[in-house]
């Protein structure tokens, strides 16, 4: 399993709108991608702090394909709501306790 960790700071006045866009526009795009497993957005209690989102992928090549072919469209959707550029890092996921992840990987 492979993870893509994304950090960004939304504009304070646009945070509620950004949550709606993530649910309505971004999540369906992610769900349609080959190898996509899960989207985990983390919204801080303090409005001015960075947000973090993790997407989980079956394999590294799935995340790389998304990043090259689809992410530019997602970035265009998100940019009007952000006060800082998106930063992302990649990680190998060594262990998962979530059964549906294990089932998806062994299918």
C-alpha atoms as a PDB file:
ATOM      1  CA  UNK A   1       0.000   0.000   0.000  1.00  0.00           C
ATOM      2  CA  UNK A   2       1.150   3.522  -0.726  1.00  0.00           C
ATOM      3  CA  UNK A   3       0.206   6.882   0.816  1.00  0.00           C
ATOM      4  CA  UNK A   4       0.231  10.396  -0.517  1.00  0.00           C
ATOM      5  CA  UNK A   5       0.256  12.974   2.297  1.00  0.00           C
ATOM      6  CA  UNK A   6      -0.911  16.466   1.333  1.00  0.00           C
ATOM      7  CA  UNK A   7      -0.632  19.661   3.415  1.00  0.00           C
ATOM      8  CA  UNK A   8      -2.269  22.998   2.624  1.00  0.00           C
ATOM      9  CA  UNK A   9      -3.732  26.064   4.303  1.00  0.00           C
ATOM     10  CA  UNK A  10      -7.172  27.172   3.169  1.00  0.00           C
ATOM     11  CA  UNK A  11      -8.310  30.776   3.083  1.00  0.00           C
ATOM     12  CA  UNK A  12     -10.091  31.422   6.393  1.00  0.00           C
ATOM     13  CA  UNK A  13     -13.250  32.728   4.737  1.00  0.00           C
ATOM     14  CA  UNK A  14     -13.430  29.727   2.387  1.00  0.00           C
ATOM     15  CA  UNK A  15     -12.994  26.771   4.745  1.00  0.00           C
ATOM     16  CA  UNK A  16     -16.643  25.702   4.749  1.00  0.00           C
ATOM     17  CA  UNK A  17     -16.785  25.957   0.965  1.00  0.00           C
ATOM     18  CA  UNK A  18     -13.590  23.938   0.675  1.00  0.00           C
ATOM     19  CA  UNK A  19     -15.095  21.089   2.714  1.00  0.00           C
ATOM     20  CA  UNK A  20     -18.081  21.011   0.361  1.00  0.00           C
ATOM     21  CA  UNK A  21     -15.797  20.986  -2.691  1.00  0.00           C
ATOM     22  CA  UNK A  22     -13.723  18.158  -1.222  1.00  0.00           C
ATOM     23  CA  UNK A  23     -16.876  16.093  -0.660  1.00  0.00           C
ATOM     24  CA  UNK A  24     -18.756  16.968  -3.840  1.00  0.00           C
ATOM     25  CA  UNK A  25     -15.993  17.365  -6.444  1.00  0.00           C
ATOM     26  CA  UNK A  26     -12.688  15.885  -5.292  1.00  0.00           C
ATOM     27  CA  UNK A  27     -13.839  12.673  -3.607  1.00  0.00           C
ATOM     28  CA  UNK A  28     -15.690  11.362  -6.704  1.00  0.00           C
ATOM     29  CA  UNK A  29     -12.598  12.038  -8.829  1.00  0.00           C
ATOM     30  CA  UNK A  30     -10.445  10.085  -6.391  1.00  0.00           C
ATOM     31  CA  UNK A  31     -12.924   7.201  -6.199  1.00  0.00           C
ATOM     32  CA  UNK A  32     -12.825   6.818  -9.973  1.00  0.00           C
ATOM     33  CA  UNK A  33      -9.041   6.279 -10.036  1.00  0.00           C
ATOM     34  CA  UNK A  34      -7.490   2.854 -10.475  1.00  0.00           C
ATOM     35  CA  UNK A  35      -5.856   1.671  -7.270  1.00  0.00           C
ATOM     36  CA  UNK A  36      -7.464   4.310  -5.055  1.00  0.00           C
ATOM     37  CA  UNK A  37      -8.352   2.963  -1.607  1.00  0.00           C
ATOM     38  CA  UNK A  38      -9.194   5.793   0.788  1.00  0.00           C
ATOM     39  CA  UNK A  39      -9.262   9.568   1.307  1.00  0.00           C
ATOM     40  CA  UNK A  40      -8.609  10.797   4.854  1.00  0.00           C
ATOM     41  CA  UNK A  41      -8.897  14.590   5.283  1.00  0.00           C
ATOM     42  CA  UNK A  42      -7.837  16.001   8.651  1.00  0.00           C
ATOM     43  CA  UNK A  43      -9.295  19.399   9.580  1.00  0.00           C
ATOM     44  CA  UNK A  44      -7.646  21.108  12.573  1.00  0.00           C
ATOM     45  CA  UNK A  45      -9.578  22.592  15.481  1.00  0.00           C
ATOM     46  CA  UNK A  46      -7.696  25.880  15.014  1.00  0.00           C
ATOM     47  CA  UNK A  47      -8.905  27.625  11.856  1.00  0.00           C
ATOM     48  CA  UNK A  48      -5.535  29.133  10.878  1.00  0.00           C
ATOM     49  CA  UNK A  49      -3.596  25.850  10.946  1.00  0.00           C
ATOM     50  CA  UNK A  50      -2.661  23.689   7.992  1.00  0.00           C
ATOM     51  CA  UNK A  51      -4.976  20.942   6.852  1.00  0.00           C
ATOM     52  CA  UNK A  52      -3.637  17.479   6.115  1.00  0.00           C
ATOM     53  CA  UNK A  53      -5.108  14.885   3.794  1.00  0.00           C
ATOM     54  CA  UNK A  54      -3.930  11.367   3.100  1.00  0.00           C
ATOM     55  CA  UNK A  55      -4.870   9.319   0.096  1.00  0.00           C
ATOM     56  CA  UNK A  56      -4.145   5.603   0.164  1.00  0.00           C
ATOM     57  CA  UNK A  57      -3.375   3.671  -2.990  1.00  0.00           C
ATOM     58  CA  UNK A  58      -2.936  -0.013  -3.748  1.00  0.00           C
ATOM     59  CA  UNK A  59       0.439   0.611  -5.388  1.00  0.00           C
ATOM     60  CA  UNK A  60       2.895   3.450  -5.886  1.00  0.00           C
ATOM     61  CA  UNK A  61       2.292   3.473  -9.641  1.00  0.00           C
ATOM     62  CA  UNK A  62      -1.433   4.175  -9.038  1.00  0.00           C
ATOM     63  CA  UNK A  63      -0.596   7.303  -7.012  1.00  0.00           C
ATOM     64  CA  UNK A  64       1.992   8.375  -9.580  1.00  0.00           C
ATOM     65  CA  UNK A  65      -0.520   7.992 -12.423  1.00  0.00           C
ATOM     66  CA  UNK A  66      -3.058  10.066 -10.500  1.00  0.00           C
ATOM     67  CA  UNK A  67      -0.457  12.734  -9.756  1.00  0.00           C
ATOM     68  CA  UNK A  68       0.537  13.112 -13.408  1.00  0.00           C
ATOM     69  CA  UNK A  69      -2.775  12.612 -15.192  1.00  0.00           C
ATOM     70  CA  UNK A  70      -5.481  13.801 -12.783  1.00  0.00           C
ATOM     71  CA  UNK A  71      -4.020  15.894  -9.969  1.00  0.00           C
ATOM     72  CA  UNK A  72      -3.581  19.015 -12.158  1.00  0.00           C
ATOM     73  CA  UNK A  73      -7.387  19.082 -12.558  1.00  0.00           C
ATOM     74  CA  UNK A  74      -7.872  18.645  -8.794  1.00  0.00           C
ATOM     75  CA  UNK A  75      -5.342  21.433  -8.109  1.00  0.00           C
ATOM     76  CA  UNK A  76      -7.360  23.724 -10.377  1.00  0.00           C
ATOM     77  CA  UNK A  77     -10.496  22.941  -8.383  1.00  0.00           C
ATOM     78  CA  UNK A  78      -8.780  23.583  -5.038  1.00  0.00           C
ATOM     79  CA  UNK A  79      -6.628  26.633  -5.804  1.00  0.00           C
ATOM     80  CA  UNK A  80      -9.370  29.281  -5.338  1.00  0.00           C
ATOM     81  CA  UNK A  81      -9.820  28.064  -1.742  1.00  0.00           C
ATOM     82  CA  UNK A  82      -6.145  27.929  -0.696  1.00  0.00           C
ATOM     83  CA  UNK A  83      -3.890  30.568   0.810  1.00  0.00           C
ATOM     84  CA  UNK A  84      -0.715  28.503   0.387  1.00  0.00           C
ATOM     85  CA  UNK A  85       0.502  26.056  -2.259  1.00  0.00           C
ATOM     86  CA  UNK A  86      -0.148  22.367  -1.721  1.00  0.00           C
ATOM     87  CA  UNK A  87       2.824  20.391  -0.426  1.00  0.00           C
ATOM     88  CA  UNK A  88       2.856  16.624  -0.719  1.00  0.00           C
ATOM     89  CA  UNK A  89       5.044  13.695   0.237  1.00  0.00           C
ATOM     90  CA  UNK A  90       4.909   9.991  -0.531  1.00  0.00           C
ATOM     91  CA  UNK A  91       5.152   7.062   1.867  1.00  0.00           C
ATOM     92  CA  UNK A  92       5.073   3.293   1.772  1.00  0.00           C
ATOM     93  CA  UNK A  93       2.476   1.960   4.196  1.00  0.00           C
ATOM     94  CA  UNK A  94       4.039  -0.938   6.050  1.00  0.00           C
ATOM     95  CA  UNK A  95       1.093  -2.042   8.212  1.00  0.00           C
ATOM     96  CA  UNK A  96      -2.655  -1.629   8.163  1.00  0.00           C
ATOM     97  CA  UNK A  97      -5.153  -2.686  10.782  1.00  0.00           C
ATOM     98  CA  UNK A  98      -8.128  -1.802   8.569  1.00  0.00           C
ATOM     99  CA  UNK A  99      -9.618  -5.044   7.295  1.00  0.00           C
ATOM    100  CA  UNK A 100     -11.141  -3.542   4.140  1.00  0.00           C
ATOM    101  CA  UNK A 101      -7.658  -2.357   3.099  1.00  0.00           C
ATOM    102  CA  UNK A 102      -6.292  -5.864   3.572  1.00  0.00           C
ATOM    103  CA  UNK A 103      -9.201  -7.329   1.574  1.00  0.00           C
ATOM    104  CA  UNK A 104      -8.679  -4.833  -1.249  1.00  0.00           C
ATOM    105  CA  UNK A 105      -4.975  -5.581  -1.457  1.00  0.00           C
ATOM    106  CA  UNK A 106      -5.444  -9.356  -1.543  1.00  0.00           C
ATOM    107  CA  UNK A 107      -8.272  -9.280  -4.117  1.00  0.00           C
END
